[in-house]
């Protein structure tokens, strides 16, 4: 079954009345409650919400790693029914293969799909260079800092040539300075490589720095509370007047959401 096409720039990802429940202690507990969302080609979308509100579950549903309770997901106007190779994922924890080198991790996807050694090495090297890890090809994950491990994860996701990249709070465990540097790098890579990115965070500054659109989710069970189109020039200044105004407005909205939930 095919979904309806939008006028103009059609959606790459479309969520229609998406719902998700889990059975916990014999009872159905709703996590996602009727999310409707259209995401255009090459958009950088940030899903912003409090911890445990269902953001990761939503990403897993888009990736085809979690079943849908109700509603539909369309990828490129086709109904999604499981894992989709057009979707890549960068996890909160790096999920690298500890027994593989940086090169081995980045070339793993193309190798698994049968790419010739010369082809996959060339592609992997390109993305290793792009994320700033030239010279670390033979290093293993245990030899790398947290930020470097996440760079490997990003390179690995891009090396699979997905049209859509999902990022689940990839910098949440990093120190503030490393996190800011990684945000800069992700923005530069996205500007150069252009993919549709869906990025999960509960950090307001991170959301404003990266997003074309911020989708603010309610407390669990999650639904869309409000959307913000972030029409600020890139690269963005976190101390510009409009950045600070939006930060204050979204902070107030988030505080009000948490008060209502409490």
Protein backbone atom coordinates (compact mmCIF):
# COMPACT_ATOMS: atom_id res chain seq x y z
CA UNK A 1 0.00 0.00 0.00
CA UNK A 2 1.28 3.46 -0.87
CA UNK A 3 0.72 6.65 1.09
CA UNK A 4 -0.50 9.92 -0.32
CA UNK A 5 2.12 12.15 -1.89
CA UNK A 6 2.54 15.69 -0.71
CA UNK A 7 2.47 18.66 -3.02
CA UNK A 8 5.91 20.08 -3.78
CA UNK A 9 8.76 18.51 -1.86
CA UNK A 10 7.28 15.14 -0.87
CA UNK A 11 8.11 13.51 2.40
CA UNK A 12 10.86 10.94 2.81
CA UNK A 13 9.48 9.77 6.17
CA UNK A 14 5.82 10.02 7.11
CA UNK A 15 4.27 8.95 10.38
CA UNK A 16 0.50 8.55 10.41
CA UNK A 17 -1.28 8.29 13.76
CA UNK A 18 1.61 6.20 15.07
CA UNK A 19 1.03 4.39 18.36
CA UNK A 20 3.03 2.01 20.51
CA UNK A 21 2.15 0.06 23.63
CA UNK A 22 4.10 -2.44 25.69
CA UNK A 23 2.70 -5.11 27.96
CA UNK A 24 4.11 -4.50 31.44
CA UNK A 25 3.05 -6.69 34.37
CA UNK A 26 0.09 -7.92 32.38
CA UNK A 27 -1.15 -4.43 31.42
CA UNK A 28 -0.85 -2.48 28.17
CA UNK A 29 1.19 0.69 28.77
CA UNK A 30 1.01 3.26 25.99
CA UNK A 31 4.35 4.86 25.05
CA UNK A 32 3.52 6.61 21.75
CA UNK A 33 0.08 8.15 21.35
CA UNK A 34 -0.87 9.10 17.79
CA UNK A 35 2.15 10.90 16.30
CA UNK A 36 1.70 12.48 12.87
CA UNK A 37 4.81 13.85 11.19
CA UNK A 38 6.15 14.53 7.68
CA UNK A 39 9.91 14.81 7.14
CA UNK A 40 11.29 16.14 3.85
CA UNK A 41 14.38 15.08 1.94
CA UNK A 42 17.63 16.32 3.55
CA UNK A 43 15.86 17.89 6.52
CA UNK A 44 17.63 17.86 9.87
CA UNK A 45 14.82 17.08 12.31
CA UNK A 46 15.33 17.11 16.07
CA UNK A 47 12.94 15.23 18.35
CA UNK A 48 13.08 17.08 21.66
CA UNK A 49 11.61 15.73 24.85
CA UNK A 50 12.24 14.70 28.42
CA UNK A 51 13.91 11.42 29.33
CA UNK A 52 11.74 8.30 29.07
CA UNK A 53 9.09 10.03 26.95
CA UNK A 54 9.36 7.53 24.07
CA UNK A 55 11.94 9.18 21.78
CA UNK A 56 14.15 6.11 21.45
CA UNK A 57 11.14 3.85 20.91
CA UNK A 58 9.99 6.16 18.12
CA UNK A 59 13.41 5.97 16.41
CA UNK A 60 13.42 2.18 16.68
CA UNK A 61 9.98 2.04 15.06
CA UNK A 62 11.21 4.19 12.15
CA UNK A 63 14.26 1.94 11.81
CA UNK A 64 12.06 -1.15 11.79
CA UNK A 65 13.60 -2.47 15.00
CA UNK A 66 10.36 -2.17 17.00
CA UNK A 67 6.88 -3.30 15.97
CA UNK A 68 4.08 -0.78 15.47
CA UNK A 69 1.00 -1.14 17.65
CA UNK A 70 -1.16 1.05 15.41
CA UNK A 71 -0.77 3.58 12.62
CA UNK A 72 1.66 3.60 9.69
CA UNK A 73 5.20 4.56 8.76
CA UNK A 74 6.01 5.42 5.14
CA UNK A 75 9.57 5.55 3.83
CA UNK A 76 9.81 7.13 0.37
CA UNK A 77 6.04 6.80 -0.01
CA UNK A 78 6.10 3.05 0.67
CA UNK A 79 4.61 1.51 3.77
CA UNK A 80 7.35 0.31 6.07
CA UNK A 81 7.05 -3.21 7.43
CA UNK A 82 10.35 -3.95 9.11
CA UNK A 83 14.06 -3.25 8.81
CA UNK A 84 14.88 -0.87 5.96
CA UNK A 85 18.37 -0.58 4.45
CA UNK A 86 17.62 3.05 3.56
CA UNK A 87 17.82 3.81 7.30
CA UNK A 88 21.05 3.97 9.33
CA UNK A 89 21.34 4.47 13.07
CA UNK A 90 23.86 6.06 15.45
CA UNK A 91 23.25 4.93 19.02
CA UNK A 92 23.66 6.67 22.37
CA UNK A 93 26.27 4.05 23.22
CA UNK A 94 28.58 3.53 20.29
CA UNK A 95 27.78 -0.17 19.73
CA UNK A 96 31.07 -0.66 17.88
CA UNK A 97 32.49 -4.13 17.37
CA UNK A 98 35.34 -4.22 19.90
CA UNK A 99 37.26 -6.90 17.98
CA UNK A 100 37.36 -4.79 14.80
CA UNK A 101 39.60 -1.83 14.06
CA UNK A 102 38.27 1.59 13.06
CA UNK A 103 38.58 0.53 9.42
CA UNK A 104 36.92 -2.81 10.15
CA UNK A 105 33.97 -1.15 11.87
CA UNK A 106 33.41 1.46 9.15
CA UNK A 107 33.67 -1.00 6.25
CA UNK A 108 31.53 -3.63 7.98
CA UNK A 109 28.26 -2.70 6.24
CA UNK A 110 29.62 -2.60 2.69
CA UNK A 111 31.58 -5.82 3.36
CA UNK A 112 28.43 -7.54 4.64
CA UNK A 113 26.63 -6.54 1.44
CA UNK A 114 29.38 -8.08 -0.69
CA UNK A 115 31.29 -4.99 -1.83
CA UNK A 116 34.75 -5.66 -3.24
CA UNK A 117 37.62 -5.02 -0.83
CA UNK A 118 39.05 -2.10 -2.83
CA UNK A 119 35.63 -0.48 -3.13
CA UNK A 120 34.68 -0.79 0.53
CA UNK A 121 38.13 0.33 1.72
CA UNK A 122 37.96 3.42 -0.47
CA UNK A 123 34.49 4.29 0.84
CA UNK A 124 35.43 3.61 4.48
CA UNK A 125 38.57 5.72 4.16
CA UNK A 126 36.55 8.60 2.76
CA UNK A 127 34.24 8.67 5.78
CA UNK A 128 37.07 8.06 8.26
CA UNK A 129 38.78 11.13 6.81
CA UNK A 130 35.49 13.06 6.84
CA UNK A 131 34.98 12.53 10.59
CA UNK A 132 38.57 13.50 11.37
CA UNK A 133 40.03 10.09 12.21
CA UNK A 134 42.77 9.86 9.57
CA UNK A 135 45.67 7.94 11.08
CA UNK A 136 43.46 5.93 13.45
CA UNK A 137 42.38 3.28 10.94
CA UNK A 138 44.17 0.45 12.78
CA UNK A 139 43.11 1.49 16.28
CA UNK A 140 40.52 -0.53 18.19
CA UNK A 141 37.53 1.04 20.04
CA UNK A 142 39.14 0.53 23.46
CA UNK A 143 42.02 2.74 22.32
CA UNK A 144 39.74 5.65 21.45
CA UNK A 145 38.11 8.38 23.51
CA UNK A 146 34.31 8.57 23.76
CA UNK A 147 34.14 11.33 21.16
CA UNK A 148 36.34 9.39 18.75
CA UNK A 149 34.20 6.29 19.19
CA UNK A 150 31.12 8.29 18.24
CA UNK A 151 32.95 9.58 15.15
CA UNK A 152 33.51 5.95 14.15
CA UNK A 153 29.79 5.29 14.68
CA UNK A 154 28.87 8.23 12.46
CA UNK A 155 31.34 7.17 9.76
CA UNK A 156 29.97 3.62 9.89
CA UNK A 157 26.39 4.87 9.47
CA UNK A 158 27.29 7.04 6.46
CA UNK A 159 29.40 4.29 4.84
CA UNK A 160 26.22 2.21 4.47
CA UNK A 161 24.82 4.93 2.16
CA UNK A 162 21.45 5.23 3.91
CA UNK A 163 19.09 7.96 2.78
CA UNK A 164 17.92 8.48 6.37
CA UNK A 165 20.16 8.61 9.43
CA UNK A 166 18.72 8.28 12.94
CA UNK A 167 20.78 9.57 15.87
CA UNK A 168 19.71 8.64 19.39
CA UNK A 169 21.26 11.16 21.81
CA UNK A 170 24.71 10.31 20.43
CA UNK A 171 26.55 12.93 22.50
CA UNK A 172 24.64 12.65 25.77
CA UNK A 173 27.47 10.90 27.62
CA UNK A 174 30.26 13.21 26.43
CA UNK A 175 31.75 16.13 28.35
CA UNK A 176 30.50 19.60 27.41
CA UNK A 177 33.49 20.63 25.27
CA UNK A 178 33.60 17.36 23.33
CA UNK A 179 29.85 17.50 22.85
CA UNK A 180 30.05 20.98 21.33
CA UNK A 181 32.85 19.90 18.97
CA UNK A 182 30.82 16.87 17.90
CA UNK A 183 27.77 19.07 17.23
CA UNK A 184 29.93 21.26 14.99
CA UNK A 185 31.24 18.21 13.15
CA UNK A 186 27.79 16.65 12.64
CA UNK A 187 26.49 19.93 11.22
CA UNK A 188 29.46 20.16 8.82
CA UNK A 189 29.11 16.52 7.71
CA UNK A 190 25.38 16.92 7.16
CA UNK A 191 25.95 20.11 5.13
CA UNK A 192 28.49 18.30 2.96
CA UNK A 193 26.89 14.86 2.61
CA UNK A 194 23.19 15.83 2.80
CA UNK A 195 21.07 13.10 4.29
CA UNK A 196 17.71 13.21 6.02
CA UNK A 197 18.63 13.18 9.72
CA UNK A 198 16.32 12.51 12.67
CA UNK A 199 18.20 13.41 15.85
CA UNK A 200 16.99 12.78 19.40
CA UNK A 201 18.08 15.01 22.29
CA UNK A 202 16.86 16.58 25.52
CA UNK A 203 19.42 19.40 25.26
CA UNK A 204 17.89 22.68 24.09
CA UNK A 205 21.14 24.25 22.83
CA UNK A 206 21.96 21.12 20.85
CA UNK A 207 18.49 21.09 19.29
CA UNK A 208 18.70 24.75 18.27
CA UNK A 209 22.23 24.42 16.93
CA UNK A 210 21.43 21.49 14.65
CA UNK A 211 17.77 21.54 13.65
CA UNK A 212 15.90 22.72 10.61
CA UNK A 213 12.82 21.82 12.66
CA UNK A 214 12.39 20.93 16.31
CA UNK A 215 9.53 18.58 17.16
CA UNK A 216 8.67 18.94 20.84
CA UNK A 217 7.10 15.83 22.32
CA UNK A 218 4.84 15.59 25.33
CA UNK A 219 5.58 13.47 28.36
CA UNK A 220 4.87 9.74 27.94
CA UNK A 221 2.70 8.68 26.20
CA UNK A 222 4.36 10.89 23.59
CA UNK A 223 2.59 12.92 20.97
CA UNK A 224 3.60 16.10 19.15
CA UNK A 225 3.21 19.12 21.43
CA UNK A 226 4.63 21.83 19.13
CA UNK A 227 6.92 22.34 16.14
CA UNK A 228 9.51 25.07 15.64
CA UNK A 229 11.03 25.92 12.26
CA UNK A 230 14.56 27.12 13.02
CA UNK A 231 15.39 29.63 10.30
CA UNK A 232 18.79 30.72 11.59
CA UNK A 233 21.92 30.99 9.43
CA UNK A 234 24.52 28.21 9.68
CA UNK A 235 26.89 27.82 11.39
CA UNK A 236 24.84 29.13 14.30
CA UNK A 237 25.90 31.32 17.17
CA UNK A 238 24.62 30.15 20.53
CA UNK A 239 24.79 33.74 21.82
CA UNK A 240 22.85 35.43 19.03
CA UNK A 241 19.72 37.31 20.06
CA UNK A 242 17.32 35.01 18.19
CA UNK A 243 19.06 31.83 19.42
CA UNK A 244 18.73 33.00 23.03
CA UNK A 245 15.12 34.06 22.50
CA UNK A 246 14.18 30.65 21.13
CA UNK A 247 16.12 28.94 23.89
CA UNK A 248 14.13 30.83 26.53
CA UNK A 249 10.80 30.17 24.79
CA UNK A 250 11.41 26.43 24.41
CA UNK A 251 12.71 26.22 27.98
CA UNK A 252 9.47 27.77 29.27
CA UNK A 253 7.43 25.36 27.16
CA UNK A 254 9.44 22.38 28.43
CA UNK A 255 9.06 23.53 32.04
CA UNK A 256 5.30 23.94 31.56
CA UNK A 257 5.09 20.44 30.04
CA UNK A 258 6.89 18.91 32.99
CA UNK A 259 4.72 20.82 35.48
CA UNK A 260 1.55 19.55 33.83
CA UNK A 261 2.90 16.00 33.78
CA UNK A 262 3.85 16.23 37.46
